[in-house]
Amino acid sequence: MNMKSGKTAVVTGASSGIGRASAEALARAGFTVFGTSRRKAGNEPDGVTMLACDVTDGEAVAALVSTVLSRTGRIDLLVNNAGVGLLGGAEESSVAQVQALFDVNLFGVIRMTNAVLPSMRRRGEGRIINIGSILGLVPAPYSAHYSAVKHALEGYSESLDHEVRAFNIRVSVIEPAFVRTVFDQNGIEPDSLLKEYDRARAGLKALLSEVMPTADRPEVVAKVVVKAATDARPRRRYTAGKAARQVSLLRRFAPAEMFDKSLRKQFRLPV
């Protein structure tokens, strides 16, 4: 365990996966770390104090921030990681279901951010790291709503970074690709399944089962979180993992038609 830096971090969705790995990595880097989950976790991450908080509940978010400030007097870093997945045809989800997805993955970020910004502004420093996705840069078939929320997170984060830089606060987005977590198993099933998409859905699940065993471990993303938290000049965007870097470069430099064909081939769709 490294010497404590005196800085306090809050990591949402820290009971497993990227959130847990990031919370533990920040603790090793010297942060006093508070992790959150909807229900208090029994198996707590090493060196992390876990607190219950549902990011869709404004009162719960306010209570969490108040508790951390009362214990440490400061919040130097917020890592917005809590989120859920949704895979399926775009028309297979009701508007209500998509609103629920946005409530966790985007409005949860906004609630947490609004709650910590006043104390960061008063102290004249702070960092906010939002766990996005390469799907916030590159949309993919059967992830229309998840891609939409991650695109929204990208726009929100970059705009916010410009606004709060005057207070010595910086905002960054981490963009991983496939990561070996239980995230996909815990994702939301479309609430209006259509038989017309049965074959495509089965193909996507087969593709994921092939990709996941060799996907990046959560610790790969956690390492990037620590870098974004400690860089002297933090960037607005960080890709995490080899696959994410490759896709980002292809998106920037490959001709649009070539990229389109490559994407469809990867997802085993007719080109």
C-alpha atoms as a PDB file:
ATOM      1  CA  MET A   1       0.000   0.000   0.000  1.00  0.00           C
ATOM      2  CA  ASN A   2       1.389   3.397  -0.976  1.00  0.00           C
ATOM      3  CA  MET A   3       1.457   6.352   1.409  1.00  0.00           C
ATOM      4  CA  LYS A   4      -1.814   8.245   1.460  1.00  0.00           C
ATOM      5  CA  SER A   5      -1.859  11.322  -0.761  1.00  0.00           C
ATOM      6  CA  GLY A   6      -4.441  13.130   1.355  1.00  0.00           C
ATOM      7  CA  LYS A   7      -6.813  13.090  -1.606  1.00  0.00           C
ATOM      8  CA  THR A   8     -10.291  11.566  -1.564  1.00  0.00           C
ATOM      9  CA  ALA A   9     -11.921   9.698  -4.450  1.00  0.00           C
ATOM     10  CA  VAL A  10     -15.486   8.518  -4.958  1.00  0.00           C
ATOM     11  CA  VAL A  11     -16.057   5.657  -7.404  1.00  0.00           C
ATOM     12  CA  THR A  12     -19.608   4.665  -8.333  1.00  0.00           C
ATOM     13  CA  GLY A  13     -20.458   1.089  -9.231  1.00  0.00           C
ATOM     14  CA  ALA A  14     -17.410  -0.168  -7.351  1.00  0.00           C
ATOM     15  CA  SER A  15     -18.658  -3.587  -6.261  1.00  0.00           C
ATOM     16  CA  SER A  16     -17.351  -5.383  -9.370  1.00  0.00           C
ATOM     17  CA  GLY A  17     -15.680  -5.050 -12.747  1.00  0.00           C
ATOM     18  CA  ILE A  18     -14.114  -1.776 -13.860  1.00  0.00           C
ATOM     19  CA  GLY A  19     -15.409   0.107 -10.820  1.00  0.00           C
ATOM     20  CA  ARG A  20     -13.920  -2.330  -8.344  1.00  0.00           C
ATOM     21  CA  ALA A  21     -10.575  -2.503 -10.162  1.00  0.00           C
ATOM     22  CA  SER A  22     -10.429   1.289 -10.417  1.00  0.00           C
ATOM     23  CA  ALA A  23     -11.268   1.806  -6.741  1.00  0.00           C
ATOM     24  CA  GLU A  24      -8.551  -0.635  -5.667  1.00  0.00           C
ATOM     25  CA  ALA A  25      -5.996   0.910  -8.058  1.00  0.00           C
ATOM     26  CA  LEU A  26      -6.734   4.405  -6.746  1.00  0.00           C
ATOM     27  CA  ALA A  27      -6.360   3.169  -3.165  1.00  0.00           C
ATOM     28  CA  ARG A  28      -2.960   1.721  -4.071  1.00  0.00           C
ATOM     29  CA  ALA A  29      -2.067   5.072  -5.658  1.00  0.00           C
ATOM     30  CA  GLY A  30      -2.639   6.775  -2.308  1.00  0.00           C
ATOM     31  CA  PHE A  31      -6.228   8.005  -2.520  1.00  0.00           C
ATOM     32  CA  THR A  32      -8.722   7.571   0.299  1.00  0.00           C
ATOM     33  CA  VAL A  33     -11.416   5.794  -1.708  1.00  0.00           C
ATOM     34  CA  PHE A  34     -15.155   5.520  -1.154  1.00  0.00           C
ATOM     35  CA  GLY A  35     -16.913   3.109  -3.490  1.00  0.00           C
ATOM     36  CA  THR A  36     -20.634   2.866  -4.083  1.00  0.00           C
ATOM     37  CA  SER A  37     -23.115   0.207  -5.097  1.00  0.00           C
ATOM     38  CA  ARG A  38     -26.902   0.137  -5.062  1.00  0.00           C
ATOM     39  CA  ARG A  39     -26.774  -2.175  -2.065  1.00  0.00           C
ATOM     40  CA  LYS A  40     -23.852  -2.333   0.348  1.00  0.00           C
ATOM     41  CA  ALA A  41     -21.457  -4.992  -0.890  1.00  0.00           C
ATOM     42  CA  GLY A  42     -20.401  -7.833   1.374  1.00  0.00           C
ATOM     43  CA  ASN A  43     -17.057  -8.512  -0.311  1.00  0.00           C
ATOM     44  CA  GLU A  44     -15.524  -5.049  -0.248  1.00  0.00           C
ATOM     45  CA  PRO A  45     -12.661  -4.056  -2.560  1.00  0.00           C
ATOM     46  CA  ASP A  46      -9.260  -3.906  -0.877  1.00  0.00           C
ATOM     47  CA  GLY A  47      -8.576  -0.572   0.798  1.00  0.00           C
ATOM     48  CA  VAL A  48     -11.980   0.852  -0.164  1.00  0.00           C
ATOM     49  CA  THR A  49     -14.848   1.985   2.054  1.00  0.00           C
ATOM     50  CA  MET A  50     -18.117   0.916   0.425  1.00  0.00           C
ATOM     51  CA  LEU A  51     -21.339   2.890   0.829  1.00  0.00           C
ATOM     52  CA  ALA A  52     -24.792   2.218  -0.589  1.00  0.00           C
ATOM     53  CA  CYS A  53     -26.024   4.690  -3.186  1.00  0.00           C
ATOM     54  CA  ASP A  54     -28.461   4.460  -6.076  1.00  0.00           C
ATOM     55  CA  VAL A  55     -27.364   7.046  -8.651  1.00  0.00           C
ATOM     56  CA  THR A  56     -30.952   7.343  -9.914  1.00  0.00           C
ATOM     57  CA  ASP A  57     -32.009   8.700  -6.494  1.00  0.00           C
ATOM     58  CA  GLY A  58     -31.141  12.375  -6.002  1.00  0.00           C
ATOM     59  CA  GLU A  59     -31.568  12.237  -2.224  1.00  0.00           C
ATOM     60  CA  ALA A  60     -29.300   9.184  -1.974  1.00  0.00           C
ATOM     61  CA  VAL A  61     -26.640  10.941  -4.061  1.00  0.00           C
ATOM     62  CA  ALA A  62     -26.796  14.060  -1.869  1.00  0.00           C
ATOM     63  CA  ALA A  63     -26.551  11.931   1.288  1.00  0.00           C
ATOM     64  CA  LEU A  64     -23.535  10.060  -0.076  1.00  0.00           C
ATOM     65  CA  VAL A  65     -21.621  13.240  -0.903  1.00  0.00           C
ATOM     66  CA  SER A  66     -22.515  14.722   2.489  1.00  0.00           C
ATOM     67  CA  THR A  67     -21.242  11.584   4.244  1.00  0.00           C
ATOM     68  CA  VAL A  68     -17.913  11.607   2.394  1.00  0.00           C
ATOM     69  CA  LEU A  69     -17.401  15.334   3.013  1.00  0.00           C
ATOM     70  CA  SER A  70     -18.211  14.925   6.704  1.00  0.00           C
ATOM     71  CA  ARG A  71     -15.580  12.186   7.004  1.00  0.00           C
ATOM     72  CA  THR A  72     -12.774  13.682   4.917  1.00  0.00           C
ATOM     73  CA  GLY A  73     -13.679  17.321   4.281  1.00  0.00           C
ATOM     74  CA  ARG A  74     -12.943  17.003   0.580  1.00  0.00           C
ATOM     75  CA  ILE A  75     -13.672  15.162  -2.667  1.00  0.00           C
ATOM     76  CA  ASP A  76     -10.781  15.472  -5.105  1.00  0.00           C
ATOM     77  CA  LEU A  77     -11.882  12.877  -7.637  1.00  0.00           C
ATOM     78  CA  LEU A  78     -15.185  11.477  -8.852  1.00  0.00           C
ATOM     79  CA  VAL A  79     -15.177   8.389 -11.070  1.00  0.00           C
ATOM     80  CA  ASN A  80     -18.610   7.895 -12.644  1.00  0.00           C
ATOM     81  CA  ASN A  81     -18.646   4.202 -13.468  1.00  0.00           C
ATOM     82  CA  ALA A  82     -22.111   2.943 -12.466  1.00  0.00           C
ATOM     83  CA  GLY A  83     -24.030   1.783 -15.509  1.00  0.00           C
ATOM     84  CA  VAL A  84     -26.079  -0.923 -17.198  1.00  0.00           C
ATOM     85  CA  GLY A  85     -25.960  -2.425 -20.677  1.00  0.00           C
ATOM     86  CA  LEU A  86     -28.651  -2.975 -23.287  1.00  0.00           C
ATOM     87  CA  LEU A  87     -28.148  -5.070 -26.427  1.00  0.00           C
ATOM     88  CA  GLY A  88     -30.800  -5.696 -29.044  1.00  0.00           C
ATOM     89  CA  GLY A  89     -32.526  -4.232 -32.050  1.00  0.00           C
ATOM     90  CA  ALA A  90     -33.335  -0.563 -31.625  1.00  0.00           C
ATOM     91  CA  GLU A  91     -37.065  -1.143 -32.103  1.00  0.00           C
ATOM     92  CA  GLU A  92     -37.099  -3.904 -29.490  1.00  0.00           C
ATOM     93  CA  SER A  93     -36.959  -1.455 -26.588  1.00  0.00           C
ATOM     94  CA  SER A  94     -39.811   0.739 -25.422  1.00  0.00           C
ATOM     95  CA  VAL A  95     -39.237   4.437 -24.786  1.00  0.00           C
ATOM     96  CA  ALA A  96     -39.685   3.749 -21.066  1.00  0.00           C
ATOM     97  CA  GLN A  97     -36.881   1.198 -21.136  1.00  0.00           C
ATOM     98  CA  VAL A  98     -34.542   3.566 -22.949  1.00  0.00           C
ATOM     99  CA  GLN A  99     -35.379   6.303 -20.453  1.00  0.00           C
ATOM    100  CA  ALA A 100     -34.416   3.922 -17.630  1.00  0.00           C
ATOM    101  CA  LEU A 101     -31.095   3.250 -19.357  1.00  0.00           C
ATOM    102  CA  PHE A 102     -30.382   6.973 -19.654  1.00  0.00           C
ATOM    103  CA  ASP A 103     -31.442   7.513 -16.039  1.00  0.00           C
ATOM    104  CA  VAL A 104     -28.574   5.332 -14.823  1.00  0.00           C
ATOM    105  CA  ASN A 105     -25.896   5.856 -17.463  1.00  0.00           C
ATOM    106  CA  LEU A 106     -26.283   9.580 -18.122  1.00  0.00           C
ATOM    107  CA  PHE A 107     -28.518  11.248 -15.555  1.00  0.00           C
ATOM    108  CA  GLY A 108     -26.781   9.272 -12.789  1.00  0.00           C
ATOM    109  CA  VAL A 109     -23.525  10.851 -13.947  1.00  0.00           C
ATOM    110  CA  ILE A 110     -25.146  14.293 -13.947  1.00  0.00           C
ATOM    111  CA  ARG A 111     -26.586  13.814 -10.442  1.00  0.00           C
ATOM    112  CA  MET A 112     -23.247  12.750  -9.025  1.00  0.00           C
ATOM    113  CA  THR A 113     -21.366  15.501 -10.840  1.00  0.00           C
ATOM    114  CA  ASN A 114     -23.757  18.234  -9.722  1.00  0.00           C
ATOM    115  CA  ALA A 115     -23.423  16.988  -6.152  1.00  0.00           C
ATOM    116  CA  VAL A 116     -19.606  17.137  -6.021  1.00  0.00           C
ATOM    117  CA  LEU A 117     -18.970  20.282  -8.074  1.00  0.00           C
ATOM    118  CA  PRO A 118     -19.826  22.848  -5.353  1.00  0.00           C
ATOM    119  CA  SER A 119     -17.163  21.513  -2.970  1.00  0.00           C
ATOM    120  CA  MET A 120     -14.639  21.217  -5.799  1.00  0.00           C
ATOM    121  CA  ARG A 121     -15.286  24.811  -6.861  1.00  0.00           C
ATOM    122  CA  ARG A 122     -14.888  26.068  -3.296  1.00  0.00           C
ATOM    123  CA  ARG A 123     -11.525  24.321  -3.000  1.00  0.00           C
ATOM    124  CA  GLY A 124     -10.439  25.407  -6.481  1.00  0.00           C
ATOM    125  CA  GLU A 125      -9.507  21.951  -7.753  1.00  0.00           C
ATOM    126  CA  GLY A 126     -10.923  18.580  -8.716  1.00  0.00           C
ATOM    127  CA  ARG A 127     -11.124  15.845 -11.317  1.00  0.00           C
ATOM    128  CA  ILE A 128     -14.108  14.034 -12.767  1.00  0.00           C
ATOM    129  CA  ILE A 129     -13.582  10.852 -14.776  1.00  0.00           C
ATOM    130  CA  ASN A 130     -16.508   9.368 -16.684  1.00  0.00           C
ATOM    131  CA  ILE A 131     -16.315   5.757 -17.817  1.00  0.00           C
ATOM    132  CA  GLY A 132     -17.569   5.877 -21.377  1.00  0.00           C
ATOM    133  CA  SER A 133     -17.090   3.338 -24.145  1.00  0.00           C
ATOM    134  CA  ILE A 134     -15.581   3.064 -27.583  1.00  0.00           C
ATOM    135  CA  LEU A 135     -19.274   2.916 -28.570  1.00  0.00           C
ATOM    136  CA  GLY A 136     -19.394   6.591 -27.671  1.00  0.00           C
ATOM    137  CA  LEU A 137     -17.112   7.102 -30.642  1.00  0.00           C
ATOM    138  CA  VAL A 138     -18.142   4.268 -32.949  1.00  0.00           C
ATOM    139  CA  PRO A 139     -21.789   3.153 -32.958  1.00  0.00           C
ATOM    140  CA  ALA A 140     -22.376  -0.541 -33.556  1.00  0.00           C
ATOM    141  CA  PRO A 141     -25.378  -2.623 -34.618  1.00  0.00           C
ATOM    142  CA  TYR A 142     -27.715  -3.833 -31.860  1.00  0.00           C
ATOM    143  CA  SER A 143     -26.390  -1.220 -29.449  1.00  0.00           C
ATOM    144  CA  ALA A 144     -28.266   1.855 -30.699  1.00  0.00           C
ATOM    145  CA  HIS A 145     -29.495   2.994 -27.291  1.00  0.00           C
ATOM    146  CA  TYR A 146     -26.280   2.157 -25.434  1.00  0.00           C
ATOM    147  CA  SER A 147     -24.282   3.949 -28.138  1.00  0.00           C
ATOM    148  CA  ALA A 148     -26.649   6.911 -27.889  1.00  0.00           C
ATOM    149  CA  VAL A 149     -26.139   7.265 -24.137  1.00  0.00           C
ATOM    150  CA  LYS A 150     -22.356   6.984 -24.477  1.00  0.00           C
ATOM    151  CA  HIS A 151     -22.360   9.579 -27.275  1.00  0.00           C
ATOM    152  CA  ALA A 152     -24.362  11.844 -24.979  1.00  0.00           C
ATOM    153  CA  LEU A 153     -21.822  11.252 -22.199  1.00  0.00           C
ATOM    154  CA  GLU A 154     -18.999  12.295 -24.538  1.00  0.00           C
ATOM    155  CA  GLY A 155     -20.714  15.562 -25.429  1.00  0.00           C
ATOM    156  CA  TYR A 156     -21.659  16.308 -21.826  1.00  0.00           C
ATOM    157  CA  SER A 157     -18.142  15.596 -20.576  1.00  0.00           C
ATOM    158  CA  GLU A 158     -16.320  17.727 -23.133  1.00  0.00           C
ATOM    159  CA  SER A 159     -18.715  20.645 -22.671  1.00  0.00           C
ATOM    160  CA  LEU A 160     -18.416  20.415 -18.892  1.00  0.00           C
ATOM    161  CA  ASP A 161     -14.633  20.304 -19.079  1.00  0.00           C
ATOM    162  CA  HIS A 162     -14.616  23.667 -20.866  1.00  0.00           C
ATOM    163  CA  GLU A 163     -16.983  25.153 -18.284  1.00  0.00           C
ATOM    164  CA  VAL A 164     -15.199  24.090 -15.109  1.00  0.00           C
ATOM    165  CA  ARG A 165     -11.595  24.524 -16.198  1.00  0.00           C
ATOM    166  CA  ALA A 166     -11.751  28.076 -14.845  1.00  0.00           C
ATOM    167  CA  PHE A 167     -12.087  26.519 -11.352  1.00  0.00           C
ATOM    168  CA  ASN A 168      -9.077  24.199 -11.885  1.00  0.00           C
ATOM    169  CA  ILE A 169     -11.416  21.227 -12.386  1.00  0.00           C
ATOM    170  CA  ARG A 170     -10.889  18.839 -15.287  1.00  0.00           C
ATOM    171  CA  VAL A 171     -13.220  16.258 -16.850  1.00  0.00           C
ATOM    172  CA  SER A 172     -12.043  13.194 -18.780  1.00  0.00           C
ATOM    173  CA  VAL A 173     -13.748  10.256 -20.507  1.00  0.00           C
ATOM    174  CA  ILE A 174     -12.265   6.752 -20.572  1.00  0.00           C
ATOM    175  CA  GLU A 175     -13.140   4.747 -23.704  1.00  0.00           C
ATOM    176  CA  PRO A 176     -12.662   0.974 -23.281  1.00  0.00           C
ATOM    177  CA  ALA A 177     -13.759  -1.669 -25.787  1.00  0.00           C
ATOM    178  CA  PHE A 178     -14.620  -5.224 -24.731  1.00  0.00           C
ATOM    179  CA  VAL A 179     -13.744  -5.821 -21.060  1.00  0.00           C
ATOM    180  CA  ARG A 180     -13.973  -9.103 -19.141  1.00  0.00           C
ATOM    181  CA  THR A 181     -16.650  -8.285 -16.565  1.00  0.00           C
ATOM    182  CA  VAL A 182     -20.156  -9.447 -15.668  1.00  0.00           C
ATOM    183  CA  PHE A 183     -21.470  -6.251 -17.274  1.00  0.00           C
ATOM    184  CA  ASP A 184     -22.977  -7.981 -20.310  1.00  0.00           C
ATOM    185  CA  GLN A 185     -24.573 -10.737 -18.243  1.00  0.00           C
ATOM    186  CA  ASN A 186     -26.132  -8.076 -16.007  1.00  0.00           C
ATOM    187  CA  GLY A 187     -27.413  -5.995 -18.919  1.00  0.00           C
ATOM    188  CA  ILE A 188     -31.044  -5.256 -19.609  1.00  0.00           C
ATOM    189  CA  GLU A 189     -32.918  -7.508 -22.040  1.00  0.00           C
ATOM    190  CA  PRO A 190     -35.060  -5.650 -24.590  1.00  0.00           C
ATOM    191  CA  ASP A 191     -38.622  -5.487 -23.298  1.00  0.00           C
ATOM    192  CA  SER A 192     -40.290  -5.968 -26.711  1.00  0.00           C
ATOM    193  CA  LEU A 193     -38.425  -8.855 -28.332  1.00  0.00           C
ATOM    194  CA  LEU A 194     -39.217  -9.411 -32.014  1.00  0.00           C
ATOM    195  CA  LYS A 195     -38.720 -12.750 -33.760  1.00  0.00           C
ATOM    196  CA  GLU A 196     -37.315 -10.913 -36.762  1.00  0.00           C
ATOM    197  CA  TYR A 197     -34.174 -10.221 -34.696  1.00  0.00           C
ATOM    198  CA  ASP A 198     -33.799 -13.676 -33.140  1.00  0.00           C
ATOM    199  CA  ARG A 199     -31.069 -14.776 -35.549  1.00  0.00           C
ATOM    200  CA  ALA A 200     -29.127 -11.534 -35.250  1.00  0.00           C
ATOM    201  CA  ARG A 201     -29.395 -11.570 -31.462  1.00  0.00           C
ATOM    202  CA  ALA A 202     -28.113 -15.144 -31.317  1.00  0.00           C
ATOM    203  CA  GLY A 203     -25.232 -14.204 -33.601  1.00  0.00           C
ATOM    204  CA  LEU A 204     -24.303 -11.273 -31.402  1.00  0.00           C
ATOM    205  CA  LYS A 205     -24.322 -13.432 -28.270  1.00  0.00           C
ATOM    206  CA  ALA A 206     -22.121 -15.990 -30.052  1.00  0.00           C
ATOM    207  CA  LEU A 207     -19.715 -13.228 -31.079  1.00  0.00           C
ATOM    208  CA  LEU A 208     -19.502 -11.925 -27.513  1.00  0.00           C
ATOM    209  CA  SER A 209     -18.861 -15.425 -26.161  1.00  0.00           C
ATOM    210  CA  GLU A 210     -15.903 -15.699 -28.541  1.00  0.00           C
ATOM    211  CA  VAL A 211     -14.497 -12.229 -27.849  1.00  0.00           C
ATOM    212  CA  MET A 212     -14.845 -12.009 -24.082  1.00  0.00           C
ATOM    213  CA  PRO A 213     -12.303 -14.707 -23.067  1.00  0.00           C
ATOM    214  CA  THR A 214      -9.522 -12.650 -24.684  1.00  0.00           C
ATOM    215  CA  ALA A 215     -10.929  -9.189 -23.914  1.00  0.00           C
ATOM    216  CA  ASP A 216      -9.101  -6.709 -21.685  1.00  0.00           C
ATOM    217  CA  ARG A 217      -9.216  -7.279 -17.959  1.00  0.00           C
ATOM    218  CA  PRO A 218     -10.772  -4.522 -15.785  1.00  0.00           C
ATOM    219  CA  GLU A 219      -7.296  -3.728 -14.467  1.00  0.00           C
ATOM    220  CA  VAL A 220      -6.344  -2.421 -17.931  1.00  0.00           C
ATOM    221  CA  VAL A 221      -9.047   0.227 -17.652  1.00  0.00           C
ATOM    222  CA  ALA A 222      -8.218   0.893 -13.997  1.00  0.00           C
ATOM    223  CA  LYS A 223      -4.631   1.731 -14.945  1.00  0.00           C
ATOM    224  CA  VAL A 224      -5.927   4.371 -17.365  1.00  0.00           C
ATOM    225  CA  VAL A 225      -8.260   5.754 -14.675  1.00  0.00           C
ATOM    226  CA  VAL A 226      -5.279   6.287 -12.363  1.00  0.00           C
ATOM    227  CA  LYS A 227      -3.364   7.954 -15.191  1.00  0.00           C
ATOM    228  CA  ALA A 228      -6.255  10.331 -15.901  1.00  0.00           C
ATOM    229  CA  ALA A 229      -6.550  11.047 -12.178  1.00  0.00           C
ATOM    230  CA  THR A 230      -2.874  11.892 -11.738  1.00  0.00           C
ATOM    231  CA  ASP A 231      -1.707  13.339 -15.079  1.00  0.00           C
ATOM    232  CA  ALA A 232      -0.356  16.861 -14.661  1.00  0.00           C
ATOM    233  CA  ARG A 233      -2.145  17.812 -17.890  1.00  0.00           C
ATOM    234  CA  PRO A 234      -5.130  15.444 -18.185  1.00  0.00           C
ATOM    235  CA  ARG A 235      -6.622  14.769 -21.596  1.00  0.00           C
ATOM    236  CA  ARG A 236     -10.335  14.961 -22.342  1.00  0.00           C
ATOM    237  CA  ARG A 237     -10.318  11.426 -23.757  1.00  0.00           C
ATOM    238  CA  TYR A 238      -8.338   8.281 -23.004  1.00  0.00           C
ATOM    239  CA  THR A 239      -8.769   5.014 -24.872  1.00  0.00           C
ATOM    240  CA  ALA A 240      -8.215   1.924 -22.734  1.00  0.00           C
ATOM    241  CA  GLY A 241      -6.805  -1.236 -24.252  1.00  0.00           C
ATOM    242  CA  LYS A 242      -5.356  -2.250 -27.595  1.00  0.00           C
ATOM    243  CA  ALA A 243      -8.693  -2.880 -29.332  1.00  0.00           C
ATOM    244  CA  ALA A 244     -10.074   0.521 -28.326  1.00  0.00           C
ATOM    245  CA  ARG A 245      -6.953   2.276 -29.628  1.00  0.00           C
ATOM    246  CA  GLN A 246      -7.164   0.434 -32.940  1.00  0.00           C
ATOM    247  CA  VAL A 247     -10.834   1.274 -33.432  1.00  0.00           C
ATOM    248  CA  SER A 248     -10.215   4.917 -32.522  1.00  0.00           C
ATOM    249  CA  LEU A 249      -7.423   5.190 -35.092  1.00  0.00           C
ATOM    250  CA  LEU A 250      -9.478   3.464 -37.782  1.00  0.00           C
ATOM    251  CA  ARG A 251     -12.395   5.783 -37.137  1.00  0.00           C
ATOM    252  CA  ARG A 252     -10.140   8.815 -37.533  1.00  0.00           C
ATOM    253  CA  PHE A 253      -8.111   7.790 -40.567  1.00  0.00           C
ATOM    254  CA  ALA A 254      -9.890   5.027 -42.531  1.00  0.00           C
ATOM    255  CA  PRO A 255     -12.234   6.033 -45.374  1.00  0.00           C
ATOM    256  CA  ALA A 256     -15.865   5.913 -44.236  1.00  0.00           C
ATOM    257  CA  GLU A 257     -16.865   3.159 -46.667  1.00  0.00           C
ATOM    258  CA  MET A 258     -13.916   0.988 -45.641  1.00  0.00           C
ATOM    259  CA  PHE A 259     -14.716   1.468 -41.967  1.00  0.00           C
ATOM    260  CA  ASP A 260     -18.377   0.627 -42.583  1.00  0.00           C
ATOM    261  CA  LYS A 261     -17.487  -2.630 -44.329  1.00  0.00           C
ATOM    262  CA  SER A 262     -15.008  -3.561 -41.614  1.00  0.00           C
ATOM    263  CA  LEU A 263     -17.594  -2.967 -38.890  1.00  0.00           C
ATOM    264  CA  ARG A 264     -20.254  -5.034 -40.647  1.00  0.00           C
ATOM    265  CA  LYS A 265     -17.776  -7.839 -41.253  1.00  0.00           C
ATOM    266  CA  GLN A 266     -16.831  -7.914 -37.575  1.00  0.00           C
ATOM    267  CA  PHE A 267     -20.483  -8.224 -36.628  1.00  0.00           C
ATOM    268  CA  ARG A 268     -21.048 -10.844 -39.351  1.00  0.00           C
ATOM    269  CA  LEU A 269     -23.537  -8.749 -41.265  1.00  0.00           C
ATOM    270  CA  PRO A 270     -23.891  -8.732 -45.066  1.00  0.00           C
ATOM    271  CA  VAL A 271     -21.571  -6.130 -46.596  1.00  0.00           C
END
